[in-house]
Amino acid sequence: MFSRVNYISRAFYRTSSVARSAGVVHGRTRLSVTKYPELKRDSRFQSLNDKHIDYFRAVLGENSVVYDKDPESDAIVHYNTDWFNLYRGTSSLVLFPSDTAQVSSILKYCNENRLAVVPQGGNTGVSGGAVPVFDEIIIKMSRMDRIRKIDQVSGIAVVDAGVILENLDNAVSEHGYMVPIDLGAKGSCHIGGNISTNAGGLRYVRYGSLHGNVLGLEVVLPDGTVLENLSTLRKDNTGYDLKQLFIGSEGTLGIVTGVSILTPQRAKATNLSLIGLDSYEDIQKAFVRAKADLSDILSAFEFWDKDCIEVVSEKMLPGVQFPLSSEKPYEFYALLETQGSRKEHDEAKLESYLESLLEDNIAKDGVVSQDIKQTQSLWAWREMIPEGMTKYGPAITYDVSMDIPLLYKLVMDTRAHFEKKGMIGPDKDYVKLIGFGHVGDGNLHIMAATNRNDYDLQKQLDDFVYTWTAKHSGSVSAEHGIGISKIGYLPYSKKKPVLDLMAKLKAQIDPRGIMNPYKIFANKYILSALGCKLRMDVYTGTRQSRE
């Protein structure tokens, strides 16, 4: 019989904007332009002047404009920097629109005056997509946080793009529904940002991606045109499904200002179990059996290695006993969640499943939560891993996808490669390297904490991780987007005809290139789509497609 979990005797951690703003304390990272010297400021773009500032103040009001000529000033530098402190731009202007009309006025003016912009939500991304590279104007969506409508019958919610994910979940929960995505950053990330990166989250295995749950979008195009398509229909087969074009586009085609999203019924019974296992092969066996035995109620299947427990124990929950205490830690841990409508029925199925894992020596030990506090306590050990890594030093994080049997092989091969070079260890370049992720959708998060802000360390790790992923037919980005961090690696996952069509769509919708330039595509590649004679290797920074 599985033991019962003891409640963590401290306030349960939930990522908040306050926690995130204080997350990185390792000194200011180098400017992105020094890390990516092949990126040059697009000569088509104007520089800000007093006339522009006066216009924005007239449209938005004095309190909705933050301007400082010095991009390093305390007033503006945190808008220029991503949360992991890996990317930093030099914008001097942040705008805070409060409605779609203001966004339209901003973009129309910027398009006419050739002013580049970067949309920014909660700024919890990890690929540098939400911060400027040069002096792009930051359009901060935090004041567009209105929940416009919740249909109590269908569960369809229509909201502003700046609504914080956790706030949306709390709002629909009052009517018995839940948001279909759940992220560690839910206390600060925006639903618009989630859509722009096509975030997957912890319960993808049950509820799928935003491509399936978003019913309609309101988008402001680069010229200020409002594309109002906030459909609340689940079935609408009238021509192109244009909303799909903006899901995952990272603000390069327009700014999402409104969202219509289908929220499923909130489960009446949620059960959570943490198990310890000796090998990644056993993780796979447990997952296969979970799909067979718990298929109708399985909502999450997370895994992590033993080093992740050390991270959380040392940096996030010092002095708190891990629920699976043993003489030595197990090699791997899995967190299984079920969600259903019949508590006793679900508990019996889970109990039977867990007992079978013990009997067949797949799992070595485990705990089962008994109430919401215990459930939150178990989830804390998983959700605290990323922030815990930032406490060791500047952190580098990856979200790659591949066939499930290969997930942990990437972690092992990465460790072996850099250990051979003498670069991993407490007093080495990479202080710690860990692996964790979502088994159900083949999404691995591999993270390294470094001993200093050094782009060369990131570059070496980038090259190995992405080359390995491409070699094994994986994706260099499972859910965090391309941003600036992967523009040189996009051809590892997309072949040239696909990239050409993407660039043509970008050029057609945003011919002046003002929308989040230098992201996804290098700006020179966009120019090639407009007719310039440039080779593919200019775009990829001397990298070639796998063809």
Protein backbone atom coordinates (compact mmCIF):
# COMPACT_ATOMS: atom_id res chain seq x y z
CA MET A 1 0.00 0.00 0.00
CA PHE A 2 1.28 3.44 -0.86
CA SER A 3 2.02 5.79 2.03
CA ARG A 4 0.27 9.11 2.47
CA VAL A 5 1.97 12.42 1.89
CA ASN A 6 2.76 14.85 4.67
CA TYR A 7 1.78 18.44 3.96
CA ILE A 8 4.69 20.79 3.34
CA SER A 9 4.81 22.97 6.44
CA ARG A 10 5.28 26.28 4.64
CA ALA A 11 3.21 28.40 2.31
CA PHE A 12 2.78 26.65 -1.01
CA TYR A 13 4.79 28.34 -3.71
CA ARG A 14 2.89 29.74 -6.63
CA THR A 15 4.85 31.79 -9.12
CA SER A 16 3.84 35.43 -8.81
CA SER A 17 4.99 38.57 -10.54
CA VAL A 18 6.80 39.54 -7.33
CA ALA A 19 8.58 36.19 -7.09
CA ARG A 20 9.57 36.30 -10.73
CA SER A 21 10.86 39.84 -10.66
CA ALA A 22 13.15 38.80 -7.83
CA GLY A 23 14.14 35.52 -9.43
CA VAL A 24 17.46 36.50 -10.99
CA VAL A 25 20.11 38.18 -8.89
CA HIS A 26 23.28 37.29 -10.76
CA GLY A 27 24.03 40.62 -12.41
CA ARG A 28 22.84 42.09 -15.66
CA THR A 29 23.30 39.94 -18.75
CA ARG A 30 25.11 41.22 -21.82
CA LEU A 31 23.06 42.99 -24.48
CA SER A 32 21.53 40.61 -27.00
CA VAL A 33 23.22 42.45 -29.87
CA THR A 34 26.62 41.51 -28.47
CA LYS A 35 25.60 37.85 -28.37
CA TYR A 36 24.12 37.87 -31.87
CA PRO A 37 26.43 40.19 -33.85
CA GLU A 38 24.95 38.95 -37.13
CA LEU A 39 21.74 40.79 -36.22
CA LYS A 40 21.86 44.39 -37.37
CA ARG A 41 19.31 47.06 -36.59
CA ASP A 42 16.96 47.31 -39.57
CA SER A 43 17.80 50.55 -41.34
CA ARG A 44 14.16 50.99 -42.34
CA PHE A 45 13.17 51.80 -38.76
CA GLN A 46 13.10 55.32 -37.39
CA SER A 47 14.46 56.28 -33.99
CA LEU A 48 12.20 57.76 -31.33
CA ASN A 49 11.87 61.52 -31.10
CA ASP A 50 9.87 63.96 -28.98
CA LYS A 51 7.07 64.11 -31.53
CA HIS A 52 6.49 60.36 -31.18
CA ILE A 53 6.49 60.52 -27.39
CA ASP A 54 3.98 63.37 -27.44
CA TYR A 55 1.66 61.37 -29.69
CA PHE A 56 1.67 58.34 -27.41
CA ARG A 57 1.05 60.47 -24.35
CA ALA A 58 -1.90 62.12 -26.10
CA VAL A 59 -3.42 58.75 -27.02
CA LEU A 60 -2.72 56.84 -23.80
CA GLY A 61 -2.34 59.48 -21.13
CA GLU A 62 0.74 60.43 -19.14
CA ASN A 63 0.42 57.52 -16.69
CA SER A 64 0.40 54.93 -19.45
CA VAL A 65 3.75 55.90 -20.95
CA VAL A 66 7.11 55.05 -19.36
CA TYR A 67 9.95 56.82 -21.11
CA ASP A 68 13.59 57.18 -20.19
CA LYS A 69 16.38 57.97 -22.63
CA ASP A 70 18.62 55.70 -20.58
CA PRO A 71 17.48 52.06 -21.20
CA GLU A 72 19.62 51.02 -18.21
CA SER A 73 17.60 53.11 -15.76
CA ASP A 74 15.69 51.37 -12.97
CA ALA A 75 12.43 52.59 -14.50
CA ILE A 76 12.82 50.59 -17.69
CA VAL A 77 15.61 48.02 -17.55
CA HIS A 78 13.41 45.18 -16.24
CA TYR A 79 11.13 45.57 -19.27
CA ASN A 80 14.21 45.22 -21.46
CA THR A 81 15.31 41.98 -19.78
CA ASP A 82 13.79 38.51 -19.81
CA TRP A 83 13.15 36.68 -16.54
CA PHE A 84 16.01 34.20 -16.98
CA ASN A 85 18.37 37.15 -17.54
CA LEU A 86 19.60 35.80 -20.87
CA TYR A 87 18.38 38.54 -23.25
CA ARG A 88 18.46 42.31 -22.93
CA GLY A 89 17.49 45.11 -25.28
CA THR A 90 17.81 48.89 -25.27
CA SER A 91 14.27 50.21 -25.53
CA SER A 92 13.57 53.54 -23.89
CA LEU A 93 9.78 53.45 -24.21
CA VAL A 94 7.08 51.23 -22.71
CA LEU A 95 3.41 51.76 -23.59
CA PHE A 96 0.48 50.46 -21.51
CA PRO A 97 -2.69 50.35 -23.66
CA SER A 98 -5.94 49.64 -21.85
CA ASP A 99 -8.16 48.66 -24.77
CA THR A 100 -8.08 47.41 -28.36
CA ALA A 101 -8.68 50.87 -29.83
CA GLN A 102 -5.51 52.15 -28.18
CA VAL A 103 -3.50 49.19 -29.50
CA SER A 104 -4.88 49.94 -32.97
CA SER A 105 -3.85 53.60 -32.72
CA ILE A 106 -0.37 52.64 -31.53
CA LEU A 107 0.27 50.16 -34.33
CA LYS A 108 -1.18 52.38 -37.04
CA TYR A 109 1.09 55.22 -35.97
CA CYS A 110 4.13 52.96 -35.62
CA ASN A 111 3.52 51.43 -39.03
CA GLU A 112 3.16 54.83 -40.71
CA ASN A 113 6.30 56.12 -38.98
CA ARG A 114 8.31 52.90 -39.29
CA LEU A 115 8.72 52.38 -35.53
CA ALA A 116 9.41 48.79 -34.53
CA VAL A 117 7.47 47.28 -31.61
CA VAL A 118 7.64 44.23 -29.36
CA PRO A 119 4.47 43.00 -27.58
CA GLN A 120 5.04 41.95 -23.97
CA GLY A 121 2.74 40.04 -21.64
CA GLY A 122 3.89 38.70 -18.29
CA ASN A 123 7.45 38.42 -19.65
CA THR A 124 7.79 34.85 -18.39
CA GLY A 125 9.07 33.46 -21.70
CA VAL A 126 12.47 31.80 -21.95
CA SER A 127 13.41 32.39 -25.61
CA GLY A 128 13.80 36.16 -25.59
CA GLY A 129 10.69 36.69 -27.69
CA ALA A 130 9.05 39.26 -25.39
CA VAL A 131 11.94 41.69 -24.98
CA PRO A 132 13.51 44.02 -27.53
CA VAL A 133 16.78 43.36 -29.31
CA PHE A 134 17.50 47.00 -30.17
CA ASP A 135 15.27 49.99 -29.39
CA GLU A 136 11.86 48.54 -30.30
CA ILE A 137 8.92 50.10 -28.47
CA ILE A 138 7.58 47.74 -25.80
CA ILE A 139 3.79 47.39 -25.81
CA LYS A 140 2.95 46.03 -22.38
CA MET A 141 -0.45 44.32 -22.22
CA SER A 142 -0.90 44.14 -18.45
CA ARG A 143 -3.70 46.75 -18.30
CA MET A 144 -5.86 44.87 -20.78
CA ASP A 145 -7.09 42.49 -18.10
CA ARG A 146 -10.86 42.52 -18.47
CA ILE A 147 -12.88 39.32 -18.45
CA ARG A 148 -15.51 40.23 -21.00
CA LYS A 149 -17.90 37.29 -20.80
CA ILE A 150 -18.21 33.75 -19.44
CA ASP A 151 -20.96 31.53 -20.86
CA GLN A 152 -22.15 29.44 -17.93
CA VAL A 153 -23.65 26.80 -20.21
CA SER A 154 -20.82 26.16 -22.67
CA GLY A 155 -17.91 27.27 -20.49
CA ILE A 156 -16.64 29.56 -23.25
CA ALA A 157 -14.80 32.61 -21.90
CA VAL A 158 -14.09 35.81 -23.83
CA VAL A 159 -11.31 37.85 -22.24
CA ASP A 160 -8.67 40.49 -22.83
CA ALA A 161 -5.24 39.18 -23.77
CA GLY A 162 -3.65 40.67 -20.66
CA VAL A 163 -5.65 38.56 -18.21
CA ILE A 164 -3.30 36.59 -15.96
CA LEU A 165 -3.77 32.86 -16.46
CA GLU A 166 -4.44 32.13 -12.79
CA ASN A 167 -7.01 34.95 -12.60
CA LEU A 168 -8.83 33.50 -15.61
CA ASP A 169 -8.84 30.07 -14.01
CA ASN A 170 -10.25 31.50 -10.79
CA ALA A 171 -12.97 33.35 -12.70
CA VAL A 172 -14.21 30.34 -14.68
CA SER A 173 -13.97 28.12 -11.59
CA GLU A 174 -16.85 30.07 -10.07
CA HIS A 175 -19.02 28.53 -12.79
CA GLY A 176 -17.56 25.03 -12.50
CA TYR A 177 -14.98 25.27 -15.31
CA MET A 178 -11.21 25.34 -15.60
CA VAL A 179 -8.64 26.74 -18.02
CA PRO A 180 -7.27 23.85 -20.13
CA ILE A 181 -3.63 24.86 -19.63
CA ASP A 182 -1.73 25.00 -16.35
CA LEU A 183 1.77 26.44 -16.09
CA GLY A 184 4.24 27.00 -13.29
CA ALA A 185 4.14 30.70 -14.20
CA LYS A 186 0.33 30.90 -14.06
CA GLY A 187 0.49 33.60 -11.40
CA SER A 188 2.12 36.08 -13.77
CA CYS A 189 1.85 34.91 -17.40
CA HIS A 190 -0.89 36.36 -19.64
CA ILE A 191 -3.34 34.33 -21.70
CA GLY A 192 -2.33 36.38 -24.75
CA GLY A 193 1.31 35.43 -24.24
CA ASN A 194 0.31 31.79 -23.80
CA ILE A 195 -1.43 31.93 -27.16
CA SER A 196 1.42 33.76 -28.85
CA THR A 197 3.82 30.97 -27.86
CA ASN A 198 1.24 28.15 -28.05
CA ALA A 199 2.08 27.17 -24.48
CA GLY A 200 1.37 23.54 -23.65
CA GLY A 201 1.67 23.19 -19.90
CA LEU A 202 1.22 20.41 -17.42
CA ARG A 203 -2.07 18.87 -18.59
CA TYR A 204 -1.52 18.64 -22.33
CA VAL A 205 -2.00 14.87 -22.17
CA ARG A 206 -5.65 15.39 -21.19
CA TYR A 207 -6.72 18.74 -22.65
CA GLY A 208 -4.51 19.19 -25.69
CA SER A 209 -3.03 22.39 -27.11
CA LEU A 210 -4.37 25.90 -27.55
CA HIS A 211 -4.80 25.18 -31.25
CA GLY A 212 -7.77 23.06 -30.21
CA ASN A 213 -9.13 25.11 -27.31
CA VAL A 214 -9.01 28.65 -28.71
CA LEU A 215 -12.24 29.33 -30.61
CA GLY A 216 -11.57 32.90 -31.74
CA LEU A 217 -9.12 35.78 -31.51
CA GLU A 218 -9.21 39.53 -31.72
CA VAL A 219 -5.94 40.65 -33.32
CA VAL A 220 -4.63 44.08 -34.23
CA LEU A 221 -2.62 43.88 -37.46
CA PRO A 222 0.53 45.96 -38.05
CA ASP A 223 -1.38 48.68 -39.93
CA GLY A 224 -3.88 49.09 -37.07
CA THR A 225 -6.64 47.00 -38.64
CA VAL A 226 -8.63 45.13 -36.00
CA LEU A 227 -9.23 41.53 -37.03
CA GLU A 228 -12.31 40.85 -34.90
CA ASN A 229 -12.92 37.13 -34.95
CA LEU A 230 -13.95 36.36 -31.38
CA SER A 231 -16.12 33.45 -32.39
CA THR A 232 -17.76 31.45 -29.64
CA LEU A 233 -18.74 28.66 -32.04
CA ARG A 234 -17.11 25.27 -31.67
CA LYS A 235 -17.98 24.42 -35.28
CA ASP A 236 -17.39 26.98 -38.00
CA ASN A 237 -16.23 25.65 -41.36
CA THR A 238 -16.31 28.90 -43.33
CA GLY A 239 -13.02 29.31 -45.11
CA TYR A 240 -9.52 29.62 -43.67
CA ASP A 241 -9.18 29.24 -39.91
CA LEU A 242 -7.11 32.39 -39.55
CA LYS A 243 -6.80 32.28 -35.77
CA GLN A 244 -4.42 29.34 -36.12
CA LEU A 245 -1.99 31.63 -37.92
CA PHE A 246 -1.56 33.77 -34.81
CA ILE A 247 -1.34 30.95 -32.27
CA GLY A 248 2.39 30.47 -31.81
CA SER A 249 3.35 33.46 -33.98
CA GLU A 250 5.08 35.23 -31.06
CA GLY A 251 3.75 38.67 -31.92
CA THR A 252 5.43 38.76 -35.33
CA LEU A 253 2.15 39.09 -37.27
CA GLY A 254 0.06 41.27 -34.96
CA ILE A 255 -0.98 41.73 -31.34
CA VAL A 256 -3.61 39.47 -29.80
CA THR A 257 -5.95 41.69 -27.79
CA GLY A 258 -8.92 39.38 -27.17
CA VAL A 259 -9.40 35.65 -26.74
CA SER A 260 -12.36 33.31 -26.94
CA ILE A 261 -11.42 30.04 -25.26
CA LEU A 262 -13.27 26.85 -24.46
CA THR A 263 -12.86 25.87 -20.81
CA PRO A 264 -13.65 22.28 -19.83
CA GLN A 265 -15.70 21.24 -16.83
CA ARG A 266 -13.69 21.44 -13.63
CA ALA A 267 -13.07 17.98 -12.28
CA LYS A 268 -15.07 16.98 -9.23
CA ALA A 269 -12.35 14.57 -8.17
CA THR A 270 -8.61 15.17 -8.56
CA ASN A 271 -6.07 12.64 -7.36
CA LEU A 272 -2.30 12.95 -7.35
CA SER A 273 0.43 10.41 -6.74
CA LEU A 274 4.20 10.74 -6.57
CA ILE A 275 6.22 7.59 -7.28
CA GLY A 276 9.92 6.74 -7.14
CA LEU A 277 11.52 4.60 -9.85
CA ASP A 278 14.97 3.24 -10.59
CA SER A 279 15.26 3.93 -14.31
CA TYR A 280 13.84 5.91 -17.20
CA GLU A 281 12.80 2.59 -18.71
CA ASP A 282 10.54 2.14 -15.67
CA ILE A 283 9.14 5.65 -16.26
CA GLN A 284 8.09 4.52 -19.73
CA LYS A 285 6.54 1.31 -18.40
CA ALA A 286 4.57 3.27 -15.83
CA PHE A 287 3.34 5.68 -18.50
CA VAL A 288 2.23 2.93 -20.89
CA ARG A 289 0.33 1.26 -18.07
CA ALA A 290 -1.21 4.58 -17.02
CA LYS A 291 -2.57 5.08 -20.53
CA ALA A 292 -4.10 1.61 -20.42
CA ASP A 293 -5.45 1.65 -16.85
CA LEU A 294 -6.29 5.34 -16.39
CA SER A 295 -6.99 6.48 -19.95
CA ASP A 296 -10.30 8.19 -19.23
CA ILE A 297 -9.07 10.14 -16.19
CA LEU A 298 -5.29 10.60 -16.68
CA SER A 299 -4.60 14.37 -16.81
CA ALA A 300 -0.86 14.69 -16.21
CA PHE A 301 2.24 12.52 -16.18
CA GLU A 302 5.38 14.45 -15.22
CA PHE A 303 8.85 13.09 -14.59
CA TRP A 304 12.15 14.41 -13.24
CA ASP A 305 15.53 13.04 -12.20
CA LYS A 306 16.95 12.84 -8.69
CA ASP A 307 19.05 15.97 -9.13
CA CYS A 308 15.84 18.00 -9.42
CA ILE A 309 14.91 17.00 -5.86
CA GLU A 310 18.28 18.25 -4.68
CA VAL A 311 17.61 21.57 -6.43
CA VAL A 312 14.26 22.11 -4.72
CA SER A 313 15.46 20.84 -1.34
CA GLU A 314 18.51 23.08 -1.30
CA LYS A 315 17.19 26.25 -2.90
CA MET A 316 13.42 26.37 -2.50
CA LEU A 317 12.36 24.21 0.46
CA PRO A 318 15.36 23.98 2.80
CA GLY A 319 14.57 21.93 5.87
CA VAL A 320 11.39 20.46 4.39
CA GLN A 321 11.35 16.69 4.18
CA PHE A 322 10.74 15.25 0.73
CA PRO A 323 7.58 13.08 0.73
CA LEU A 324 9.49 10.00 -0.49
CA SER A 325 12.26 9.80 2.07
CA SER A 326 14.71 6.94 1.73
CA GLU A 327 18.34 6.18 2.51
CA LYS A 328 19.25 7.33 -0.96
CA PRO A 329 17.09 9.04 -3.58
CA TYR A 330 15.56 7.08 -6.39
CA GLU A 331 16.96 7.79 -9.84
CA PHE A 332 13.63 9.13 -11.14
CA TYR A 333 10.28 10.38 -9.94
CA ALA A 334 6.91 10.61 -11.67
CA LEU A 335 3.90 12.68 -10.73
CA LEU A 336 0.58 11.27 -11.94
CA GLU A 337 -2.65 13.21 -11.81
CA THR A 338 -6.17 12.00 -12.52
CA GLN A 339 -9.24 14.17 -12.95
CA GLY A 340 -12.76 12.81 -13.10
CA SER A 341 -16.29 13.09 -11.78
CA ARG A 342 -16.53 10.15 -9.38
CA LYS A 343 -14.13 10.33 -6.44
CA GLU A 344 -14.43 6.77 -5.16
CA HIS A 345 -14.32 5.31 -8.67
CA ASP A 346 -11.20 7.32 -9.59
CA GLU A 347 -9.45 6.54 -6.33
CA ALA A 348 -10.07 2.83 -6.80
CA LYS A 349 -8.67 2.91 -10.35
CA LEU A 350 -5.59 4.82 -9.24
CA GLU A 351 -5.07 2.56 -6.25
CA SER A 352 -5.26 -0.53 -8.45
CA TYR A 353 -2.84 0.99 -10.95
CA LEU A 354 -0.32 1.93 -8.27
CA GLU A 355 -0.49 -1.46 -6.60
CA SER A 356 0.25 -3.12 -9.92
CA LEU A 357 3.36 -0.96 -10.33
CA LEU A 358 4.62 -2.13 -6.94
CA GLU A 359 3.79 -5.76 -7.57
CA ASP A 360 5.64 -5.76 -10.88
CA ASN A 361 8.61 -3.91 -9.36
CA ILE A 362 8.17 -0.93 -11.71
CA ALA A 363 7.71 1.59 -8.89
CA LYS A 364 9.69 1.31 -5.66
CA ASP A 365 7.67 3.62 -3.44
CA GLY A 366 5.05 6.31 -3.61
CA VAL A 367 2.66 8.65 -1.88
CA VAL A 368 -0.93 9.64 -2.61
CA SER A 369 -2.39 13.04 -1.72
CA GLN A 370 -5.48 13.16 0.46
CA ASP A 371 -6.65 16.76 0.10
CA ILE A 372 -6.01 19.97 -1.81
CA LYS A 373 -3.19 21.09 0.46
CA GLN A 374 -1.34 17.83 -0.02
CA THR A 375 -1.95 18.01 -3.77
CA GLN A 376 -0.46 21.50 -3.87
CA SER A 377 2.48 20.29 -1.80
CA LEU A 378 3.31 17.54 -4.28
CA TRP A 379 2.97 19.84 -7.27
CA ALA A 380 5.32 22.28 -5.53
CA TRP A 381 8.23 19.86 -5.87
CA ARG A 382 7.73 19.86 -9.63
CA GLU A 383 6.90 23.53 -10.18
CA MET A 384 9.79 24.87 -8.11
CA ILE A 385 12.47 23.19 -10.22
CA PRO A 386 13.05 26.01 -12.76
CA GLU A 387 13.31 28.81 -10.20
CA GLY A 388 15.45 26.62 -7.98
CA MET A 389 17.98 26.32 -10.80
CA THR A 390 18.28 30.11 -11.07
CA LYS A 391 19.47 30.18 -7.46
CA TYR A 392 22.70 28.37 -8.40
CA GLY A 393 23.65 30.85 -11.08
CA PRO A 394 22.55 32.14 -14.51
CA ALA A 395 20.26 29.42 -15.86
CA ILE A 396 19.87 28.11 -19.40
CA THR A 397 16.69 26.21 -20.21
CA TYR A 398 15.46 24.17 -23.19
CA ASP A 399 12.09 22.78 -24.24
CA VAL A 400 12.61 20.20 -26.93
CA SER A 401 10.38 17.38 -28.08
CA MET A 402 11.13 13.96 -29.50
CA ASP A 403 9.98 10.38 -29.33
CA ILE A 404 9.31 9.50 -25.69
CA PRO A 405 11.94 6.71 -25.45
CA LEU A 406 14.63 9.27 -26.33
CA LEU A 407 13.78 11.97 -23.78
CA TYR A 408 16.28 11.13 -21.09
CA LYS A 409 18.93 9.89 -23.48
CA LEU A 410 19.43 13.53 -24.46
CA VAL A 411 20.10 14.42 -20.82
CA MET A 412 22.56 11.54 -20.40
CA ASP A 413 24.38 12.30 -23.65
CA THR A 414 24.60 16.01 -22.79
CA ARG A 415 26.05 15.24 -19.36
CA ALA A 416 28.53 12.76 -20.82
CA HIS A 417 29.66 15.22 -23.48
CA PHE A 418 30.37 18.08 -21.09
CA GLU A 419 31.71 15.88 -18.28
CA LYS A 420 34.27 14.56 -20.75
CA LYS A 421 35.28 18.18 -21.34
CA GLY A 422 35.52 18.74 -17.57
CA MET A 423 32.78 21.38 -17.59
CA ILE A 424 30.12 19.98 -15.18
CA GLY A 425 30.37 20.14 -11.39
CA PRO A 426 29.95 22.46 -8.37
CA ASP A 427 33.10 24.43 -9.25
CA LYS A 428 32.82 24.02 -13.03
CA ASP A 429 31.27 26.03 -15.87
CA TYR A 430 27.94 24.20 -15.63
CA VAL A 431 27.26 23.99 -11.91
CA LYS A 432 24.33 21.63 -12.37
CA LEU A 433 22.49 20.01 -15.29
CA ILE A 434 19.07 18.40 -14.86
CA GLY A 435 16.23 16.93 -16.89
CA PHE A 436 12.47 16.93 -16.35
CA GLY A 437 9.34 17.23 -18.43
CA HIS A 438 5.99 16.07 -19.70
CA VAL A 439 6.12 12.40 -20.65
CA GLY A 440 2.63 12.45 -22.12
CA ASP A 441 3.54 14.82 -24.96
CA GLY A 442 7.21 13.96 -25.41
CA ASN A 443 8.39 17.33 -24.10
CA LEU A 444 11.73 17.47 -22.29
CA HIS A 445 13.02 20.41 -20.28
CA ILE A 446 16.76 20.27 -19.87
CA MET A 447 18.31 22.99 -17.71
CA ALA A 448 21.82 24.03 -16.80
CA ALA A 449 22.91 26.48 -14.12
CA THR A 450 26.17 28.22 -14.94
CA ASN A 451 28.75 29.86 -12.71
CA ARG A 452 28.76 33.16 -14.61
CA ASN A 453 26.99 35.23 -17.26
CA ASP A 454 28.87 33.92 -20.30
CA TYR A 455 27.16 33.60 -23.66
CA ASP A 456 29.81 31.15 -24.84
CA LEU A 457 28.52 28.64 -22.27
CA GLN A 458 25.00 29.00 -23.62
CA LYS A 459 26.23 28.73 -27.21
CA GLN A 460 28.10 25.49 -26.55
CA LEU A 461 25.06 23.98 -24.88
CA ASP A 462 22.75 25.26 -27.65
CA ASP A 463 24.86 23.66 -30.34
CA PHE A 464 24.94 20.28 -28.64
CA VAL A 465 21.29 20.11 -27.54
CA TYR A 466 19.82 21.32 -30.84
CA THR A 467 22.14 19.27 -33.04
CA TRP A 468 21.31 16.16 -31.02
CA THR A 469 17.60 16.93 -31.23
CA ALA A 470 17.73 17.44 -35.00
CA LYS A 471 19.71 14.23 -35.46
CA HIS A 472 16.91 12.36 -33.68
CA SER A 473 14.12 14.06 -35.69
CA GLY A 474 12.90 16.15 -32.78
CA SER A 475 11.74 19.76 -32.48
CA VAL A 476 13.98 22.51 -31.14
CA SER A 477 10.93 24.16 -29.56
CA ALA A 478 8.08 22.22 -28.01
CA GLU A 479 6.24 25.08 -26.30
CA HIS A 480 8.43 28.10 -25.54
CA GLY A 481 8.69 29.51 -29.04
CA ILE A 482 11.67 30.52 -31.17
CA GLY A 483 12.15 34.12 -30.05
CA ILE A 484 15.70 35.24 -30.58
CA SER A 485 17.35 32.23 -28.96
CA LYS A 486 16.59 29.74 -31.76
CA ILE A 487 16.56 31.78 -34.96
CA GLY A 488 19.76 30.04 -36.06
CA TYR A 489 18.32 26.63 -35.27
CA LEU A 490 14.86 26.86 -36.80
CA PRO A 491 16.04 25.08 -40.00
CA TYR A 492 16.91 22.10 -37.79
CA SER A 493 13.17 21.48 -37.44
CA LYS A 494 11.68 23.14 -40.54
CA LYS A 495 12.78 22.59 -44.13
CA LYS A 496 13.40 25.42 -46.56
CA PRO A 497 10.03 25.35 -48.41
CA VAL A 498 8.24 25.66 -45.07
CA LEU A 499 10.49 28.51 -43.98
CA ASP A 500 9.99 30.27 -47.31
CA LEU A 501 6.21 30.15 -46.95
CA MET A 502 6.41 31.41 -43.36
CA ALA A 503 8.55 34.34 -44.50
CA LYS A 504 6.15 35.17 -47.33
CA LEU A 505 3.22 35.25 -44.90
CA LYS A 506 5.19 37.54 -42.60
CA ALA A 507 6.08 39.84 -45.50
CA GLN A 508 2.47 39.96 -46.70
CA ILE A 509 0.92 40.74 -43.30
CA ASP A 510 3.72 42.96 -42.00
CA PRO A 511 5.41 44.43 -45.11
CA ARG A 512 7.26 47.08 -43.11
CA GLY A 513 8.50 44.47 -40.65
CA ILE A 514 7.64 46.45 -37.52
CA MET A 515 6.14 43.53 -35.55
CA ASN A 516 8.65 42.00 -33.16
CA PRO A 517 11.54 42.12 -35.63
CA TYR A 518 14.60 39.86 -35.27
CA LYS A 519 12.41 37.11 -33.77
CA ILE A 520 11.68 33.70 -35.33
CA PHE A 521 13.29 34.97 -38.55
CA ALA A 522 16.47 36.96 -38.70
CA ASN A 523 15.57 40.30 -40.23
CA LYS A 524 17.73 39.65 -43.31
CA TYR A 525 15.66 36.61 -44.16
CA ILE A 526 12.50 38.71 -44.07
CA LEU A 527 14.15 41.12 -46.47
CA SER A 528 14.94 38.22 -48.80
CA ALA A 529 11.25 37.38 -48.88
CA LEU A 530 10.64 40.95 -49.97
CA GLY A 531 12.87 40.43 -52.99
CA CYS A 532 16.44 40.88 -51.81
CA LYS A 533 19.01 38.41 -53.13
CA LEU A 534 20.25 36.67 -50.01
CA ARG A 535 21.28 33.10 -49.45
CA MET A 536 19.74 30.80 -46.85
CA ASP A 537 22.95 30.69 -44.83
CA VAL A 538 22.73 34.46 -44.23
CA TYR A 539 19.43 33.91 -42.46
CA THR A 540 20.67 30.97 -40.42
CA GLY A 541 23.91 32.57 -39.36
CA THR A 542 26.02 30.14 -41.47
CA ARG A 543 23.83 27.21 -40.46
CA GLN A 544 22.28 25.02 -43.11
CA SER A 545 19.00 23.16 -43.30
CA ARG A 546 19.13 19.43 -42.62
CA GLU A 547 18.16 18.75 -46.22
